[in-house]
Structures are given as structure tokens and as C-alpha cells.
Protein backbone atom coordinates (compact mmCIF):
# COMPACT_ATOMS: atom_id res chain seq x y z
CA MET A 1 -62.26 -24.86 67.38
CA THR A 2 -60.86 -27.48 65.60
CA ASN A 3 -62.85 -30.74 64.71
CA SER A 4 -61.30 -32.60 67.42
CA GLU A 5 -63.06 -30.15 69.91
CA LYS A 6 -66.30 -30.38 68.23
CA ASN A 7 -65.90 -34.46 68.62
CA THR A 8 -65.42 -34.21 72.11
CA ILE A 9 -68.27 -34.88 74.46
CA LEU A 10 -67.50 -34.49 78.39
CA PHE A 11 -69.33 -35.14 81.80
CA THR A 12 -68.70 -36.09 84.88
CA LEU A 13 -69.27 -39.92 86.04
CA VAL A 14 -70.42 -40.71 89.91
CA TYR A 15 -69.73 -43.28 91.83
CA ARG A 16 -69.73 -43.81 95.50
CA GLY A 17 -69.49 -40.33 95.72
CA GLU A 18 -66.30 -39.91 93.88
CA GLU A 19 -66.15 -37.90 90.70
CA TRP A 20 -64.53 -38.60 87.73
CA PRO A 21 -64.66 -36.44 84.76
CA VAL A 22 -64.34 -37.55 81.04
CA GLN A 23 -63.52 -36.20 78.03
CA THR A 24 -64.01 -39.13 75.48
CA ARG A 25 -65.21 -38.88 71.34
CA ARG A 26 -68.26 -38.79 69.88
CA ASN A 27 -69.56 -42.35 69.38
CA HIS A 28 -65.81 -43.76 70.48
CA TYR A 29 -68.14 -46.89 72.59
CA TYR A 30 -70.72 -48.56 71.56
CA SER A 31 -72.02 -47.24 74.81
CA LEU A 32 -72.67 -46.17 78.27
CA MET A 33 -71.83 -49.18 79.65
CA SER A 34 -68.66 -50.01 78.39
CA LEU A 35 -67.37 -46.43 78.84
CA ILE A 36 -67.91 -46.71 82.80
CA ALA A 37 -66.72 -50.96 82.45
CA ASP A 38 -62.89 -49.29 81.16
CA TYR A 39 -63.28 -46.54 83.40
CA LEU A 40 -64.06 -47.55 86.40
CA PRO A 41 -63.30 -51.40 87.62
CA ILE A 42 -66.68 -51.67 90.03
CA SER A 43 -67.50 -55.41 90.42
CA GLY A 44 -70.40 -57.10 88.60
CA PHE A 45 -71.38 -53.87 86.51
CA GLY A 46 -72.92 -54.67 83.49
CA ILE A 47 -72.73 -58.33 83.66
CA CYS A 48 -75.15 -59.47 81.06
CA SER A 49 -72.79 -57.77 78.54
CA GLY A 50 -75.88 -55.00 76.92
CA MET A 51 -78.88 -57.36 76.96
CA GLY A 52 -80.84 -54.51 78.51
CA SER A 53 -82.77 -56.74 80.98
CA CYS A 54 -80.64 -57.35 84.18
CA GLY A 55 -80.18 -53.73 85.68
CA THR A 56 -75.96 -53.70 86.51
CA CYS A 57 -75.64 -51.57 84.87
CA ALA A 58 -78.41 -48.55 85.54
CA VAL A 59 -77.37 -45.17 85.99
CA SER A 60 -79.08 -41.80 86.12
CA ILE A 61 -77.71 -39.24 83.75
CA ASP A 62 -78.95 -35.90 85.43
CA GLY A 63 -81.68 -38.13 87.50
CA MET A 64 -83.24 -39.54 84.87
CA ARG A 65 -82.68 -43.50 85.56
CA CYS A 66 -81.50 -45.64 83.10
CA LEU A 67 -79.45 -48.38 81.63
CA SER A 68 -76.12 -47.49 80.06
CA CYS A 69 -76.20 -50.03 77.93
CA ASP A 70 -79.15 -48.40 75.83
CA VAL A 71 -77.33 -45.05 75.85
CA ALA A 72 -75.73 -44.02 73.13
CA ILE A 73 -72.39 -41.49 73.84
CA ASP A 74 -73.54 -38.46 71.68
CA ASP A 75 -74.50 -35.12 72.00
CA GLU A 76 -77.16 -35.84 74.76
CA LEU A 77 -74.72 -36.24 77.86
CA ALA A 78 -72.62 -33.70 76.94
CA ASN A 79 -71.98 -31.63 80.43
CA ALA A 80 -74.46 -34.34 82.26
CA ARG A 81 -73.60 -35.64 85.60
CA ILE A 82 -74.02 -39.68 85.68
CA VAL A 83 -74.98 -41.46 88.40
CA ILE A 84 -73.46 -44.95 88.87
CA GLU A 85 -76.43 -47.04 91.21
CA GLU A 86 -74.56 -49.91 93.47
CA ALA A 87 -75.64 -53.14 91.49
CA TYR A 88 -77.07 -56.11 93.50
CA PHE A 89 -76.45 -59.72 93.03
């Protein structure tokens, strides 16, 4: 295994029933919220810009609800299924 492969994390993003496989480097993004904002053009997602109080970046990681602005891109996401919840404003 090369150093590049050791630093790579694979997981799946799910939004409105569609799935997107993601391959990224550990800690390449500040948070899962910033990665999702880069990958998917979801209107209003993470609108508070990572403050952790509004809930617009809510996701379920393998069934556990959390705010993606509080989630680091690290080994805990490896092979996870991340469902992006519908935001209501």
C-alpha cells in the first residue's frame, strides 16, 4: 500500500435517494460540511457556516444523527454511509 492509499478515506454520501462514492484525503477538508458543500450543490446546506447551532448541516452517519460541521474527515468516516438530511428553513 502506498502512502497515498494510506491517507485516503472512502465513504458514501446519500442525498434524496442518490448515492455518491467519495474518495478523499484525511483532513483535506476542515469538516464534513465543507466537503459536502464542495461535492453537492445543496441550497441552504450549512448556511450558518459551521457554527454548530442551526442544524442546517445535519447528517446521519451509519444511522447516528450529527452536525457535519462538527465531523472531521478522518478514519472514523472510512466506509461510512452518510445520509444528508433535508434542511428546512
